[in-house]
Amino acid sequence: MGDLVALFRSRAEYWAPYLGVTFNRVSVKDQRTLWGSCTREGNLNFSWRLALAPDPVLDYLIVHELSHRAQMNHSRRFWEVVETLCPGHRSHRRWLRKNGRALHTAKRPA
């Protein structure tokens, strides 16, 4: 899982300055109900299954969670923050709804 943590951390390090936010720890877990989460302390958690998604979908989820550093909710303002870096976020969310079940049947990497 170390390679996956490095992948998610590098993507978060890339996007965070564009949003003007910081973050702390990045964890990659075997989450089944959430694709990602962000704590008030700035810890980012992601499902390892996102590594199987297309890069734009992965980046959308990274931007989504980093946007919680600016807005800890899903308000209109939150979605405006997401949209600044990810104007195609609606199509990425649709992709996850359509393909999420297949991702959840994938086997965990060794």
PDB file of N, CA and C in Angstrom:
ATOM      1  N   MET A   1       0.819  -1.202   0.000  1.00  0.00           N
ATOM      2  CA  MET A   1       0.000   0.000   0.000  1.00  0.00           C
ATOM      3  C   MET A   1       0.858   1.258   0.000  1.00  0.00           C
ATOM      4  N   GLY A   2       2.145   1.100   0.290  1.00  0.00           N
ATOM      5  CA  GLY A   2       3.027   2.263   0.321  1.00  0.00           C
ATOM      6  C   GLY A   2       3.064   3.009  -1.002  1.00  0.00           C
ATOM      7  N   ASP A   3       3.056   2.250  -2.109  1.00  0.00           N
ATOM      8  CA  ASP A   3       3.046   2.897  -3.428  1.00  0.00           C
ATOM      9  C   ASP A   3       1.766   3.691  -3.633  1.00  0.00           C
ATOM     10  N   LEU A   4       0.650   3.174  -3.134  1.00  0.00           N
ATOM     11  CA  LEU A   4      -0.623   3.874  -3.278  1.00  0.00           C
ATOM     12  C   LEU A   4      -0.653   5.146  -2.436  1.00  0.00           C
ATOM     13  N   VAL A   5      -0.110   5.082  -1.234  1.00  0.00           N
ATOM     14  CA  VAL A   5      -0.036   6.281  -0.404  1.00  0.00           C
ATOM     15  C   VAL A   5       0.795   7.336  -1.131  1.00  0.00           C
ATOM     16  N   ALA A   6       1.913   6.916  -1.718  1.00  0.00           N
ATOM     17  CA  ALA A   6       2.765   7.858  -2.458  1.00  0.00           C
ATOM     18  C   ALA A   6       2.011   8.477  -3.637  1.00  0.00           C
ATOM     19  N   LEU A   7       1.214   7.674  -4.328  1.00  0.00           N
ATOM     20  CA  LEU A   7       0.423   8.183  -5.449  1.00  0.00           C
ATOM     21  C   LEU A   7      -0.567   9.244  -4.972  1.00  0.00           C
ATOM     22  N   PHE A   8      -1.345   8.918  -3.950  1.00  0.00           N
ATOM     23  CA  PHE A   8      -2.353   9.855  -3.456  1.00  0.00           C
ATOM     24  C   PHE A   8      -1.701  11.105  -2.866  1.00  0.00           C
ATOM     25  N   ARG A   9      -0.603  10.935  -2.141  1.00  0.00           N
ATOM     26  CA  ARG A   9       0.088  12.088  -1.560  1.00  0.00           C
ATOM     27  C   ARG A   9       0.619  12.991  -2.671  1.00  0.00           C
ATOM     28  N   SER A  10       1.204  12.415  -3.701  1.00  0.00           N
ATOM     29  CA  SER A  10       1.765  13.251  -4.774  1.00  0.00           C
ATOM     30  C   SER A  10       0.667  14.036  -5.493  1.00  0.00           C
ATOM     31  N   ARG A  11      -0.487  13.428  -5.689  1.00  0.00           N
ATOM     32  CA  ARG A  11      -1.593  14.143  -6.338  1.00  0.00           C
ATOM     33  C   ARG A  11      -2.119  15.252  -5.420  1.00  0.00           C
ATOM     34  N   ALA A  12      -2.210  14.976  -4.122  1.00  0.00           N
ATOM     35  CA  ALA A  12      -2.649  16.000  -3.173  1.00  0.00           C
ATOM     36  C   ALA A  12      -1.633  17.141  -3.101  1.00  0.00           C
ATOM     37  N   GLU A  13      -0.354  16.806  -3.119  1.00  0.00           N
ATOM     38  CA  GLU A  13       0.689  17.840  -3.112  1.00  0.00           C
ATOM     39  C   GLU A  13       0.624  18.703  -4.369  1.00  0.00           C
ATOM     40  N   TYR A  14       0.249  18.092  -5.477  1.00  0.00           N
ATOM     41  CA  TYR A  14       0.110  18.850  -6.724  1.00  0.00           C
ATOM     42  C   TYR A  14      -1.050  19.844  -6.632  1.00  0.00           C
ATOM     43  N   TRP A  15      -2.225  19.377  -6.182  1.00  0.00           N
ATOM     44  CA  TRP A  15      -3.442  20.197  -6.214  1.00  0.00           C
ATOM     45  C   TRP A  15      -3.576  21.189  -5.063  1.00  0.00           C
ATOM     46  N   ALA A  16      -3.051  20.879  -3.894  1.00  0.00           N
ATOM     47  CA  ALA A  16      -3.255  21.729  -2.715  1.00  0.00           C
ATOM     48  C   ALA A  16      -2.851  23.193  -2.937  1.00  0.00           C
ATOM     49  N   PRO A  17      -1.701  23.484  -3.536  1.00  0.00           N
ATOM     50  CA  PRO A  17      -1.340  24.899  -3.725  1.00  0.00           C
ATOM     51  C   PRO A  17      -2.324  25.664  -4.611  1.00  0.00           C
ATOM     52  N   TYR A  18      -2.930  24.986  -5.572  1.00  0.00           N
ATOM     53  CA  TYR A  18      -3.907  25.651  -6.440  1.00  0.00           C
ATOM     54  C   TYR A  18      -5.150  26.079  -5.663  1.00  0.00           C
ATOM     55  N   LEU A  19      -5.449  25.341  -4.595  1.00  0.00           N
ATOM     56  CA  LEU A  19      -6.594  25.683  -3.746  1.00  0.00           C
ATOM     57  C   LEU A  19      -6.180  26.569  -2.575  1.00  0.00           C
ATOM     58  N   GLY A  20      -4.874  26.722  -2.388  1.00  0.00           N
ATOM     59  CA  GLY A  20      -4.385  27.516  -1.270  1.00  0.00           C
ATOM     60  C   GLY A  20      -4.633  26.850   0.073  1.00  0.00           C
ATOM     61  N   VAL A  21      -4.550  25.520   0.104  1.00  0.00           N
ATOM     62  CA  VAL A  21      -4.795  24.777   1.334  1.00  0.00           C
ATOM     63  C   VAL A  21      -3.604  23.883   1.650  1.00  0.00           C
ATOM     64  N   THR A  22      -3.574  23.415   2.872  1.00  0.00           N
ATOM     65  CA  THR A  22      -2.575  22.444   3.301  1.00  0.00           C
ATOM     66  C   THR A  22      -3.307  21.198   3.782  1.00  0.00           C
ATOM     67  N   PHE A  23      -2.548  20.149   3.991  1.00  0.00           N
ATOM     68  CA  PHE A  23      -3.109  18.921   4.542  1.00  0.00           C
ATOM     69  C   PHE A  23      -2.032  18.239   5.357  1.00  0.00           C
ATOM     70  N   ASN A  24      -2.434  17.280   6.147  1.00  0.00           N
ATOM     71  CA  ASN A  24      -1.493  16.543   6.988  1.00  0.00           C
ATOM     72  C   ASN A  24      -1.257  15.148   6.425  1.00  0.00           C
ATOM     73  N   ARG A  25      -1.729  14.162   7.129  1.00  0.00           N
ATOM     74  CA  ARG A  25      -1.496  12.765   6.771  1.00  0.00           C
ATOM     75  C   ARG A  25      -2.380  12.333   5.606  1.00  0.00           C
ATOM     76  N   VAL A  26      -1.859  11.430   4.783  1.00  0.00           N
ATOM     77  CA  VAL A  26      -2.631  10.793   3.722  1.00  0.00           C
ATOM     78  C   VAL A  26      -2.660   9.300   4.026  1.00  0.00           C
ATOM     79  N   SER A  27      -3.863   8.738   4.085  1.00  0.00           N
ATOM     80  CA  SER A  27      -4.027   7.306   4.330  1.00  0.00           C
ATOM     81  C   SER A  27      -4.819   6.694   3.188  1.00  0.00           C
ATOM     82  N   VAL A  28      -4.446   5.488   2.844  1.00  0.00           N
ATOM     83  CA  VAL A  28      -5.174   4.722   1.840  1.00  0.00           C
ATOM     84  C   VAL A  28      -5.712   3.494   2.555  1.00  0.00           C
ATOM     85  N   LYS A  29      -7.025   3.332   2.492  1.00  0.00           N
ATOM     86  CA  LYS A  29      -7.698   2.300   3.275  1.00  0.00           C
ATOM     87  C   LYS A  29      -8.582   1.432   2.390  1.00  0.00           C
ATOM     88  N   ASP A  30      -9.128   0.410   3.013  1.00  0.00           N
ATOM     89  CA  ASP A  30     -10.069  -0.483   2.333  1.00  0.00           C
ATOM     90  C   ASP A  30     -11.490  -0.013   2.648  1.00  0.00           C
ATOM     91  N   GLN A  31     -11.764   1.250   2.322  1.00  0.00           N
ATOM     92  CA  GLN A  31     -13.080   1.838   2.591  1.00  0.00           C
ATOM     93  C   GLN A  31     -14.095   1.297   1.596  1.00  0.00           C
ATOM     94  N   ARG A  32     -15.291   1.011   2.080  1.00  0.00           N
ATOM     95  CA  ARG A  32     -16.335   0.486   1.206  1.00  0.00           C
ATOM     96  C   ARG A  32     -17.508   1.443   1.062  1.00  0.00           C
ATOM     97  N   THR A  33     -17.625   2.404   1.960  1.00  0.00           N
ATOM     98  CA  THR A  33     -18.775   3.307   1.896  1.00  0.00           C
ATOM     99  C   THR A  33     -18.412   4.704   1.418  1.00  0.00           C
ATOM    100  N   LEU A  34     -17.153   5.068   1.522  1.00  0.00           N
ATOM    101  CA  LEU A  34     -16.698   6.390   1.075  1.00  0.00           C
ATOM    102  C   LEU A  34     -15.524   6.233   0.123  1.00  0.00           C
ATOM    103  N   TRP A  35     -15.477   7.093  -0.861  1.00  0.00           N
ATOM    104  CA  TRP A  35     -14.307   7.123  -1.737  1.00  0.00           C
ATOM    105  C   TRP A  35     -13.166   7.862  -1.061  1.00  0.00           C
ATOM    106  N   GLY A  36     -13.522   8.842  -0.248  1.00  0.00           N
ATOM    107  CA  GLY A  36     -12.509   9.605   0.457  1.00  0.00           C
ATOM    108  C   GLY A  36     -13.137  10.401   1.580  1.00  0.00           C
ATOM    109  N   SER A  37     -12.282  10.943   2.422  1.00  0.00           N
ATOM    110  CA  SER A  37     -12.746  11.811   3.501  1.00  0.00           C
ATOM    111  C   SER A  37     -11.615  12.736   3.909  1.00  0.00           C
ATOM    112  N   CYS A  38     -12.001  13.813   4.581  1.00  0.00           N
ATOM    113  CA  CYS A  38     -11.054  14.794   5.078  1.00  0.00           C
ATOM    114  C   CYS A  38     -11.460  15.155   6.498  1.00  0.00           C
ATOM    115  N   THR A  39     -10.516  15.040   7.422  1.00  0.00           N
ATOM    116  CA  THR A  39     -10.820  15.378   8.809  1.00  0.00           C
ATOM    117  C   THR A  39     -10.576  16.863   9.042  1.00  0.00           C
ATOM    118  N   ARG A  40     -11.099  17.366  10.140  1.00  0.00           N
ATOM    119  CA  ARG A  40     -10.874  18.767  10.507  1.00  0.00           C
ATOM    120  C   ARG A  40      -9.386  19.061  10.704  1.00  0.00           C
ATOM    121  N   GLU A  41      -8.617  18.040  11.060  1.00  0.00           N
ATOM    122  CA  GLU A  41      -7.175  18.215  11.248  1.00  0.00           C
ATOM    123  C   GLU A  41      -6.411  18.220   9.919  1.00  0.00           C
ATOM    124  N   GLY A  42      -7.123  17.968   8.831  1.00  0.00           N
ATOM    125  CA  GLY A  42      -6.484  17.977   7.522  1.00  0.00           C
ATOM    126  C   GLY A  42      -5.929  16.647   7.082  1.00  0.00           C
ATOM    127  N   ASN A  43      -6.357  15.570   7.728  1.00  0.00           N
ATOM    128  CA  ASN A  43      -5.941  14.232   7.309  1.00  0.00           C
ATOM    129  C   ASN A  43      -6.848  13.764   6.184  1.00  0.00           C
ATOM    130  N   LEU A  44      -6.238  13.272   5.126  1.00  0.00           N
ATOM    131  CA  LEU A  44      -6.974  12.804   3.955  1.00  0.00           C
ATOM    132  C   LEU A  44      -6.976  11.286   3.934  1.00  0.00           C
ATOM    133  N   ASN A  45      -8.127  10.703   3.699  1.00  0.00           N
ATOM    134  CA  ASN A  45      -8.286   9.252   3.621  1.00  0.00           C
ATOM    135  C   ASN A  45      -8.931   8.912   2.284  1.00  0.00           C
ATOM    136  N   PHE A  46      -8.408   7.881   1.637  1.00  0.00           N
ATOM    137  CA  PHE A  46      -8.920   7.477   0.334  1.00  0.00           C
ATOM    138  C   PHE A  46      -9.055   5.967   0.249  1.00  0.00           C
ATOM    139  N   SER A  47     -10.012   5.527  -0.531  1.00  0.00           N
ATOM    140  CA  SER A  47     -10.149   4.111  -0.846  1.00  0.00           C
ATOM    141  C   SER A  47      -9.079   3.743  -1.879  1.00  0.00           C
ATOM    142  N   TRP A  48      -8.393   2.646  -1.665  1.00  0.00           N
ATOM    143  CA  TRP A  48      -7.363   2.225  -2.607  1.00  0.00           C
ATOM    144  C   TRP A  48      -7.953   1.985  -3.995  1.00  0.00           C
ATOM    145  N   ARG A  49      -9.248   1.702  -4.055  1.00  0.00           N
ATOM    146  CA  ARG A  49      -9.904   1.405  -5.336  1.00  0.00           C
ATOM    147  C   ARG A  49      -9.859   2.588  -6.312  1.00  0.00           C
ATOM    148  N   LEU A  50      -9.708   3.795  -5.779  1.00  0.00           N
ATOM    149  CA  LEU A  50      -9.628   4.972  -6.660  1.00  0.00           C
ATOM    150  C   LEU A  50      -8.416   4.918  -7.580  1.00  0.00           C
ATOM    151  N   ALA A  51      -7.390   4.175  -7.182  1.00  0.00           N
ATOM    152  CA  ALA A  51      -6.208   4.033  -8.032  1.00  0.00           C
ATOM    153  C   ALA A  51      -6.543   3.300  -9.331  1.00  0.00           C
ATOM    154  N   LEU A  52      -7.680   2.600  -9.358  1.00  0.00           N
ATOM    155  CA  LEU A  52      -8.121   1.880 -10.552  1.00  0.00           C
ATOM    156  C   LEU A  52      -8.971   2.754 -11.474  1.00  0.00           C
ATOM    157  N   ALA A  53      -9.372   3.904 -10.988  1.00  0.00           N
ATOM    158  CA  ALA A  53     -10.216   4.818 -11.774  1.00  0.00           C
ATOM    159  C   ALA A  53      -9.345   5.603 -12.757  1.00  0.00           C
ATOM    160  N   PRO A  54      -9.959   6.158 -13.793  1.00  0.00           N
ATOM    161  CA  PRO A  54      -9.204   7.025 -14.701  1.00  0.00           C
ATOM    162  C   PRO A  54      -8.595   8.207 -13.943  1.00  0.00           C
ATOM    163  N   ASP A  55      -7.447   8.680 -14.398  1.00  0.00           N
ATOM    164  CA  ASP A  55      -6.749   9.771 -13.716  1.00  0.00           C
ATOM    165  C   ASP A  55      -7.631  10.991 -13.442  1.00  0.00           C
ATOM    166  N   PRO A  56      -8.473  11.437 -14.395  1.00  0.00           N
ATOM    167  CA  PRO A  56      -9.315  12.604 -14.089  1.00  0.00           C
ATOM    168  C   PRO A  56     -10.289  12.358 -12.935  1.00  0.00           C
ATOM    169  N   VAL A  57     -10.757  11.129 -12.778  1.00  0.00           N
ATOM    170  CA  VAL A  57     -11.668  10.796 -11.678  1.00  0.00           C
ATOM    171  C   VAL A  57     -10.884  10.795 -10.360  1.00  0.00           C
ATOM    172  N   LEU A  58      -9.697  10.206 -10.365  1.00  0.00           N
ATOM    173  CA  LEU A  58      -8.844  10.227  -9.181  1.00  0.00           C
ATOM    174  C   LEU A  58      -8.552  11.669  -8.770  1.00  0.00           C
ATOM    175  N   ASP A  59      -8.170  12.498  -9.733  1.00  0.00           N
ATOM    176  CA  ASP A  59      -7.868  13.891  -9.418  1.00  0.00           C
ATOM    177  C   ASP A  59      -9.104  14.627  -8.907  1.00  0.00           C
ATOM    178  N   TYR A  60     -10.261  14.319  -9.450  1.00  0.00           N
ATOM    179  CA  TYR A  60     -11.491  14.933  -8.938  1.00  0.00           C
ATOM    180  C   TYR A  60     -11.662  14.623  -7.456  1.00  0.00           C
ATOM    181  N   LEU A  61     -11.459  13.351  -7.067  1.00  0.00           N
ATOM    182  CA  LEU A  61     -11.639  12.991  -5.655  1.00  0.00           C
ATOM    183  C   LEU A  61     -10.600  13.665  -4.774  1.00  0.00           C
ATOM    184  N   ILE A  62      -9.388  13.802  -5.273  1.00  0.00           N
ATOM    185  CA  ILE A  62      -8.347  14.512  -4.516  1.00  0.00           C
ATOM    186  C   ILE A  62      -8.776  15.967  -4.316  1.00  0.00           C
ATOM    187  N   VAL A  63      -9.199  16.623  -5.406  1.00  0.00           N
ATOM    188  CA  VAL A  63      -9.650  18.019  -5.321  1.00  0.00           C
ATOM    189  C   VAL A  63     -10.858  18.129  -4.394  1.00  0.00           C
ATOM    190  N   HIS A  64     -11.783  17.184  -4.493  1.00  0.00           N
ATOM    191  CA  HIS A  64     -12.978  17.184  -3.646  1.00  0.00           C
ATOM    192  C   HIS A  64     -12.578  17.203  -2.169  1.00  0.00           C
ATOM    193  N   GLU A  65     -11.708  16.275  -1.778  1.00  0.00           N
ATOM    194  CA  GLU A  65     -11.324  16.198  -0.367  1.00  0.00           C
ATOM    195  C   GLU A  65     -10.502  17.405   0.060  1.00  0.00           C
ATOM    196  N   LEU A  66      -9.609  17.885  -0.793  1.00  0.00           N
ATOM    197  CA  LEU A  66      -8.848  19.089  -0.459  1.00  0.00           C
ATOM    198  C   LEU A  66      -9.755  20.308  -0.337  1.00  0.00           C
ATOM    199  N   SER A  67     -10.819  20.347  -1.103  1.00  0.00           N
ATOM    200  CA  SER A  67     -11.762  21.471  -1.036  1.00  0.00           C
ATOM    201  C   SER A  67     -12.437  21.549   0.329  1.00  0.00           C
ATOM    202  N   HIS A  68     -12.493  20.418   1.023  1.00  0.00           N
ATOM    203  CA  HIS A  68     -13.037  20.439   2.381  1.00  0.00           C
ATOM    204  C   HIS A  68     -12.128  21.215   3.332  1.00  0.00           C
ATOM    205  N   ARG A  69     -10.885  21.424   2.967  1.00  0.00           N
ATOM    206  CA  ARG A  69     -10.001  22.240   3.799  1.00  0.00           C
ATOM    207  C   ARG A  69     -10.446  23.700   3.757  1.00  0.00           C
ATOM    208  N   ALA A  70     -11.131  24.090   2.695  1.00  0.00           N
ATOM    209  CA  ALA A  70     -11.664  25.450   2.583  1.00  0.00           C
ATOM    210  C   ALA A  70     -13.105  25.528   3.066  1.00  0.00           C
ATOM    211  N   GLN A  71     -13.870  24.470   2.831  1.00  0.00           N
ATOM    212  CA  GLN A  71     -15.291  24.406   3.200  1.00  0.00           C
ATOM    213  C   GLN A  71     -15.574  23.003   3.734  1.00  0.00           C
ATOM    214  N   MET A  72     -15.770  22.871   5.045  1.00  0.00           N
ATOM    215  CA  MET A  72     -16.007  21.547   5.646  1.00  0.00           C
ATOM    216  C   MET A  72     -17.484  21.156   5.552  1.00  0.00           C
ATOM    217  N   ASN A  73     -18.015  21.183   4.352  1.00  0.00           N
ATOM    218  CA  ASN A  73     -19.425  20.853   4.131  1.00  0.00           C
ATOM    219  C   ASN A  73     -19.600  20.569   2.646  1.00  0.00           C
ATOM    220  N   HIS A  74     -20.821  20.371   2.222  1.00  0.00           N
ATOM    221  CA  HIS A  74     -21.134  20.203   0.800  1.00  0.00           C
ATOM    222  C   HIS A  74     -22.088  21.308   0.355  1.00  0.00           C
ATOM    223  N   SER A  75     -21.825  22.514   0.806  1.00  0.00           N
ATOM    224  CA  SER A  75     -22.650  23.671   0.455  1.00  0.00           C
ATOM    225  C   SER A  75     -22.384  24.117  -0.987  1.00  0.00           C
ATOM    226  N   ARG A  76     -23.160  25.073  -1.428  1.00  0.00           N
ATOM    227  CA  ARG A  76     -22.943  25.659  -2.752  1.00  0.00           C
ATOM    228  C   ARG A  76     -21.524  26.213  -2.858  1.00  0.00           C
ATOM    229  N   ARG A  77     -21.060  26.856  -1.804  1.00  0.00           N
ATOM    230  CA  ARG A  77     -19.702  27.421  -1.797  1.00  0.00           C
ATOM    231  C   ARG A  77     -18.653  26.319  -1.955  1.00  0.00           C
ATOM    232  N   PHE A  78     -18.858  25.171  -1.286  1.00  0.00           N
ATOM    233  CA  PHE A  78     -17.949  24.039  -1.428  1.00  0.00           C
ATOM    234  C   PHE A  78     -17.837  23.630  -2.894  1.00  0.00           C
ATOM    235  N   TRP A  79     -18.993  23.456  -3.564  1.00  0.00           N
ATOM    236  CA  TRP A  79     -18.981  23.015  -4.962  1.00  0.00           C
ATOM    237  C   TRP A  79     -18.366  24.073  -5.870  1.00  0.00           C
ATOM    238  N   GLU A  80     -18.471  25.335  -5.502  1.00  0.00           N
ATOM    239  CA  GLU A  80     -17.788  26.388  -6.264  1.00  0.00           C
ATOM    240  C   GLU A  80     -16.278  26.239  -6.156  1.00  0.00           C
ATOM    241  N   VAL A  81     -15.794  25.870  -4.968  1.00  0.00           N
ATOM    242  CA  VAL A  81     -14.363  25.635  -4.785  1.00  0.00           C
ATOM    243  C   VAL A  81     -13.921  24.461  -5.647  1.00  0.00           C
ATOM    244  N   VAL A  82     -14.661  23.365  -5.605  1.00  0.00           N
ATOM    245  CA  VAL A  82     -14.332  22.189  -6.424  1.00  0.00           C
ATOM    246  C   VAL A  82     -14.279  22.585  -7.897  1.00  0.00           C
ATOM    247  N   GLU A  83     -15.271  23.338  -8.326  1.00  0.00           N
ATOM    248  CA  GLU A  83     -15.390  23.693  -9.740  1.00  0.00           C
ATOM    249  C   GLU A  83     -14.229  24.557 -10.240  1.00  0.00           C
ATOM    250  N   THR A  84     -13.579  25.297  -9.356  1.00  0.00           N
ATOM    251  CA  THR A  84     -12.455  26.129  -9.802  1.00  0.00           C
ATOM    252  C   THR A  84     -11.357  25.293 -10.434  1.00  0.00           C
ATOM    253  N   LEU A  85     -11.139  24.091  -9.927  1.00  0.00           N
ATOM    254  CA  LEU A  85     -10.084  23.225 -10.465  1.00  0.00           C
ATOM    255  C   LEU A  85     -10.614  22.039 -11.243  1.00  0.00           C
ATOM    256  N   CYS A  86     -11.878  21.751 -11.067  1.00  0.00           N
ATOM    257  CA  CYS A  86     -12.438  20.552 -11.679  1.00  0.00           C
ATOM    258  C   CYS A  86     -13.804  20.854 -12.284  1.00  0.00           C
ATOM    259  N   PRO A  87     -13.820  21.633 -13.373  1.00  0.00           N
ATOM    260  CA  PRO A  87     -15.114  21.994 -13.965  1.00  0.00           C
ATOM    261  C   PRO A  87     -15.909  20.790 -14.465  1.00  0.00           C
ATOM    262  N   GLY A  88     -15.255  19.659 -14.701  1.00  0.00           N
ATOM    263  CA  GLY A  88     -15.952  18.455 -15.156  1.00  0.00           C
ATOM    264  C   GLY A  88     -16.356  17.527 -14.027  1.00  0.00           C
ATOM    265  N   HIS A  89     -16.441  18.058 -12.804  1.00  0.00           N
ATOM    266  CA  HIS A  89     -16.691  17.189 -11.652  1.00  0.00           C
ATOM    267  C   HIS A  89     -18.000  16.408 -11.767  1.00  0.00           C
ATOM    268  N   ARG A  90     -19.003  16.964 -12.422  1.00  0.00           N
ATOM    269  CA  ARG A  90     -20.277  16.240 -12.540  1.00  0.00           C
ATOM    270  C   ARG A  90     -20.112  14.954 -13.355  1.00  0.00           C
ATOM    271  N   SER A  91     -19.337  15.009 -14.409  1.00  0.00           N
ATOM    272  CA  SER A  91     -19.123  13.799 -15.217  1.00  0.00           C
ATOM    273  C   SER A  91     -18.288  12.774 -14.451  1.00  0.00           C
ATOM    274  N   HIS A  92     -17.365  13.230 -13.617  1.00  0.00           N
ATOM    275  CA  HIS A  92     -16.558  12.305 -12.814  1.00  0.00           C
ATOM    276  C   HIS A  92     -17.417  11.636 -11.738  1.00  0.00           C
ATOM    277  N   ARG A  93     -18.332  12.391 -11.159  1.00  0.00           N
ATOM    278  CA  ARG A  93     -19.251  11.814 -10.179  1.00  0.00           C
ATOM    279  C   ARG A  93     -20.151  10.776 -10.852  1.00  0.00           C
ATOM    280  N   ARG A  94     -20.609  11.075 -12.075  1.00  0.00           N
ATOM    281  CA  ARG A  94     -21.425  10.100 -12.821  1.00  0.00           C
ATOM    282  C   ARG A  94     -20.617   8.836 -13.103  1.00  0.00           C
ATOM    283  N   TRP A  95     -19.351   9.013 -13.482  1.00  0.00           N
ATOM    284  CA  TRP A  95     -18.502   7.862 -13.767  1.00  0.00           C
ATOM    285  C   TRP A  95     -18.416   6.966 -12.527  1.00  0.00           C
ATOM    286  N   LEU A  96     -18.215   7.586 -11.363  1.00  0.00           N
ATOM    287  CA  LEU A  96     -18.123   6.796 -10.131  1.00  0.00           C
ATOM    288  C   LEU A  96     -19.434   6.077  -9.821  1.00  0.00           C
ATOM    289  N   ARG A  97     -20.567   6.748 -10.029  1.00  0.00           N
ATOM    290  CA  ARG A  97     -21.851   6.082  -9.785  1.00  0.00           C
ATOM    291  C   ARG A  97     -22.032   4.901 -10.730  1.00  0.00           C
ATOM    292  N   LYS A  98     -21.628   5.072 -11.976  1.00  0.00           N
ATOM    293  CA  LYS A  98     -21.805   4.021 -12.982  1.00  0.00           C
ATOM    294  C   LYS A  98     -20.822   2.866 -12.783  1.00  0.00           C
ATOM    295  N   ASN A  99     -19.586   3.170 -12.402  1.00  0.00           N
ATOM    296  CA  ASN A  99     -18.529   2.162 -12.363  1.00  0.00           C
ATOM    297  C   ASN A  99     -18.076   1.771 -10.962  1.00  0.00           C
ATOM    298  N   GLY A 100     -18.635   2.409  -9.966  1.00  0.00           N
ATOM    299  CA  GLY A 100     -18.202   2.159  -8.595  1.00  0.00           C
ATOM    300  C   GLY A 100     -18.357   0.719  -8.161  1.00  0.00           C
ATOM    301  N   ARG A 101     -19.443   0.099  -8.559  1.00  0.00           N
ATOM    302  CA  ARG A 101     -19.670  -1.304  -8.169  1.00  0.00           C
ATOM    303  C   ARG A 101     -18.549  -2.202  -8.700  1.00  0.00           C
ATOM    304  N   ALA A 102     -18.119  -1.966  -9.938  1.00  0.00           N
ATOM    305  CA  ALA A 102     -17.026  -2.760 -10.504  1.00  0.00           C
ATOM    306  C   ALA A 102     -15.731  -2.522  -9.722  1.00  0.00           C
ATOM    307  N   LEU A 103     -15.487  -1.286  -9.324  1.00  0.00           N
ATOM    308  CA  LEU A 103     -14.286  -1.003  -8.537  1.00  0.00           C
ATOM    309  C   LEU A 103     -14.339  -1.734  -7.196  1.00  0.00           C
ATOM    310  N   HIS A 104     -15.517  -1.824  -6.617  1.00  0.00           N
ATOM    311  CA  HIS A 104     -15.641  -2.472  -5.315  1.00  0.00           C
ATOM    312  C   HIS A 104     -15.468  -3.983  -5.385  1.00  0.00           C
ATOM    313  N   THR A 105     -15.542  -4.563  -6.572  1.00  0.00           N
ATOM    314  CA  THR A 105     -15.315  -6.008  -6.687  1.00  0.00           C
ATOM    315  C   THR A 105     -13.851  -6.316  -6.977  1.00  0.00           C
ATOM    316  N   ALA A 106     -13.031  -5.308  -7.191  1.00  0.00           N
ATOM    317  CA  ALA A 106     -11.612  -5.513  -7.497  1.00  0.00           C
ATOM    318  C   ALA A 106     -10.893  -6.099  -6.280  1.00  0.00           C
ATOM    319  N   LYS A 107      -9.859  -6.853  -6.564  1.00  0.00           N
ATOM    320  CA  LYS A 107      -9.044  -7.455  -5.505  1.00  0.00           C
ATOM    321  C   LYS A 107      -8.006  -6.442  -5.054  1.00  0.00           C
ATOM    322  N   ARG A 108      -7.771  -6.425  -3.757  1.00  0.00           N
ATOM    323  CA  ARG A 108      -6.798  -5.526  -3.149  1.00  0.00           C
ATOM    324  C   ARG A 108      -5.388  -5.894  -3.591  1.00  0.00           C
ATOM    325  N   PRO A 109      -4.577  -4.908  -3.957  1.00  0.00           N
ATOM    326  CA  PRO A 109      -3.202  -5.227  -4.363  1.00  0.00           C
ATOM    327  C   PRO A 109      -2.392  -5.760  -3.191  1.00  0.00           C
ATOM    328  N   ALA A 110      -1.405  -6.552  -3.518  1.00  0.00           N
ATOM    329  CA  ALA A 110      -0.564  -7.167  -2.465  1.00  0.00           C
ATOM    330  C   ALA A 110       0.354  -6.154  -1.829  1.00  0.00           C
TER     331      ALA A 110
END
